[in-house]
Amino acid sequence: MGKKTKKRAVKARKASAEVVLDSLSDDPATNALADRVARCNKPPLKWLRQADGSWLECSLRSDCTYGNCHEVSANEVPAEIRNG
């Protein structure tokens, strides 16, 4: 790949990333979650290990509690949580 082609590719990736970030910041659900995280001073997700070794992923709700839990596989839980 030539220098000009590489520069164009990098420029295109940066522009693409900016479009994705702009579209996320325009999304009302993303904004609501960001506001909730800031107001509650809690992370947006919480992982709970069950007695049988399975994991639940719970979302931060508008009342600053966690709910809407669903089972996830262990590899979806961050290693620092899984091993901590």
C-alpha atoms as a PDB file:
ATOM      1  CA  MET A   1       0.000   0.000   0.000  1.00  0.00           C
ATOM      2  CA  GLY A   2       1.425   3.375  -0.964  1.00  0.00           C
ATOM      3  CA  LYS A   3       1.756   6.386   1.341  1.00  0.00           C
ATOM      4  CA  LYS A   4      -1.193   8.202  -0.212  1.00  0.00           C
ATOM      5  CA  THR A   5      -3.399   5.115   0.034  1.00  0.00           C
ATOM      6  CA  LYS A   6      -2.465   4.612   3.711  1.00  0.00           C
ATOM      7  CA  LYS A   7      -3.184   8.269   4.503  1.00  0.00           C
ATOM      8  CA  ARG A   8      -6.578   8.034   2.784  1.00  0.00           C
ATOM      9  CA  ALA A   9      -7.394   4.823   4.669  1.00  0.00           C
ATOM     10  CA  VAL A  10      -6.475   6.379   8.029  1.00  0.00           C
ATOM     11  CA  LYS A  11      -8.461   9.511   7.211  1.00  0.00           C
ATOM     12  CA  ALA A  12     -11.489   7.401   6.197  1.00  0.00           C
ATOM     13  CA  ARG A  13     -11.320   5.370   9.434  1.00  0.00           C
ATOM     14  CA  LYS A  14     -11.131   8.544  11.533  1.00  0.00           C
ATOM     15  CA  ALA A  15     -14.107  10.047   9.705  1.00  0.00           C
ATOM     16  CA  SER A  16     -16.051   6.806  10.127  1.00  0.00           C
ATOM     17  CA  ALA A  17     -15.287   6.717  13.869  1.00  0.00           C
ATOM     18  CA  GLU A  18     -16.427  10.327  14.249  1.00  0.00           C
ATOM     19  CA  VAL A  19     -19.723   9.527  12.516  1.00  0.00           C
ATOM     20  CA  VAL A  20     -20.315   6.597  14.890  1.00  0.00           C
ATOM     21  CA  LEU A  21     -19.489   8.722  17.936  1.00  0.00           C
ATOM     22  CA  ASP A  22     -21.734  11.530  16.690  1.00  0.00           C
ATOM     23  CA  SER A  23     -24.611   9.117  16.082  1.00  0.00           C
ATOM     24  CA  LEU A  24     -24.165   7.619  19.572  1.00  0.00           C
ATOM     25  CA  SER A  25     -24.183  11.027  21.209  1.00  0.00           C
ATOM     26  CA  ASP A  26     -27.408  11.848  19.348  1.00  0.00           C
ATOM     27  CA  ASP A  27     -29.115   8.685  20.603  1.00  0.00           C
ATOM     28  CA  PRO A  28     -31.586   9.505  23.434  1.00  0.00           C
ATOM     29  CA  ALA A  29     -31.020   6.117  25.117  1.00  0.00           C
ATOM     30  CA  THR A  30     -27.254   6.657  25.207  1.00  0.00           C
ATOM     31  CA  ASN A  31     -27.710  10.149  26.622  1.00  0.00           C
ATOM     32  CA  ALA A  32     -30.153   8.873  29.254  1.00  0.00           C
ATOM     33  CA  LEU A  33     -27.706   6.170  30.325  1.00  0.00           C
ATOM     34  CA  ALA A  34     -24.816   8.642  30.521  1.00  0.00           C
ATOM     35  CA  ASP A  35     -26.940  11.020  32.624  1.00  0.00           C
ATOM     36  CA  ARG A  36     -28.005   8.156  34.908  1.00  0.00           C
ATOM     37  CA  VAL A  37     -24.402   7.005  35.425  1.00  0.00           C
ATOM     38  CA  ALA A  38     -23.336  10.559  36.295  1.00  0.00           C
ATOM     39  CA  ARG A  39     -26.293  11.168  38.637  1.00  0.00           C
ATOM     40  CA  CYS A  40     -26.120   7.806  40.419  1.00  0.00           C
ATOM     41  CA  ASN A  41     -22.305   7.671  40.505  1.00  0.00           C
ATOM     42  CA  LYS A  42     -22.448   3.954  39.666  1.00  0.00           C
ATOM     43  CA  PRO A  43     -21.263   1.928  36.672  1.00  0.00           C
ATOM     44  CA  PRO A  44     -23.858   1.190  33.981  1.00  0.00           C
ATOM     45  CA  LEU A  45     -23.528  -2.595  34.411  1.00  0.00           C
ATOM     46  CA  LYS A  46     -23.124  -4.882  37.397  1.00  0.00           C
ATOM     47  CA  TRP A  47     -22.217  -8.573  37.238  1.00  0.00           C
ATOM     48  CA  LEU A  48     -23.425 -10.965  39.909  1.00  0.00           C
ATOM     49  CA  ARG A  49     -22.047 -14.468  40.411  1.00  0.00           C
ATOM     50  CA  GLN A  50     -24.738 -16.983  41.299  1.00  0.00           C
ATOM     51  CA  ALA A  51     -24.300 -19.904  43.733  1.00  0.00           C
ATOM     52  CA  ASP A  52     -24.144 -22.357  40.821  1.00  0.00           C
ATOM     53  CA  GLY A  53     -21.242 -20.441  39.224  1.00  0.00           C
ATOM     54  CA  SER A  54     -23.309 -18.751  36.493  1.00  0.00           C
ATOM     55  CA  TRP A  55     -23.270 -14.972  35.996  1.00  0.00           C
ATOM     56  CA  LEU A  56     -25.965 -12.306  35.733  1.00  0.00           C
ATOM     57  CA  GLU A  57     -25.496  -8.949  34.027  1.00  0.00           C
ATOM     58  CA  CYS A  58     -27.703  -6.211  35.485  1.00  0.00           C
ATOM     59  CA  SER A  59     -28.327  -2.698  34.137  1.00  0.00           C
ATOM     60  CA  LEU A  60     -28.444   0.533  36.105  1.00  0.00           C
ATOM     61  CA  ARG A  61     -32.037   1.729  36.320  1.00  0.00           C
ATOM     62  CA  SER A  62     -33.365   5.265  36.627  1.00  0.00           C
ATOM     63  CA  ASP A  63     -33.859   4.884  40.417  1.00  0.00           C
ATOM     64  CA  CYS A  64     -30.103   4.106  40.805  1.00  0.00           C
ATOM     65  CA  THR A  65     -30.692   0.412  41.501  1.00  0.00           C
ATOM     66  CA  TYR A  66     -29.752  -2.485  39.264  1.00  0.00           C
ATOM     67  CA  GLY A  67     -32.335  -4.545  37.415  1.00  0.00           C
ATOM     68  CA  ASN A  68     -33.219  -6.105  34.075  1.00  0.00           C
ATOM     69  CA  CYS A  69     -30.752  -8.876  34.873  1.00  0.00           C
ATOM     70  CA  HIS A  70     -30.065 -11.632  32.388  1.00  0.00           C
ATOM     71  CA  GLU A  71     -27.721 -14.591  32.403  1.00  0.00           C
ATOM     72  CA  VAL A  72     -24.427 -14.227  30.528  1.00  0.00           C
ATOM     73  CA  SER A  73     -21.561 -16.604  29.912  1.00  0.00           C
ATOM     74  CA  ALA A  74     -18.456 -16.221  32.061  1.00  0.00           C
ATOM     75  CA  ASN A  75     -16.373 -15.002  29.108  1.00  0.00           C
ATOM     76  CA  GLU A  76     -18.655 -11.931  28.813  1.00  0.00           C
ATOM     77  CA  VAL A  77     -17.761 -10.863  32.360  1.00  0.00           C
ATOM     78  CA  PRO A  78     -14.587  -8.733  32.622  1.00  0.00           C
ATOM     79  CA  ALA A  79     -11.621 -10.761  33.886  1.00  0.00           C
ATOM     80  CA  GLU A  80     -11.031  -8.424  36.849  1.00  0.00           C
ATOM     81  CA  ILE A  81     -14.600  -9.078  38.041  1.00  0.00           C
ATOM     82  CA  ARG A  82     -14.525 -12.802  37.265  1.00  0.00           C
ATOM     83  CA  ASN A  83     -11.216 -13.387  39.019  1.00  0.00           C
ATOM     84  CA  GLY A  84     -11.661 -10.866  41.835  1.00  0.00           C
END
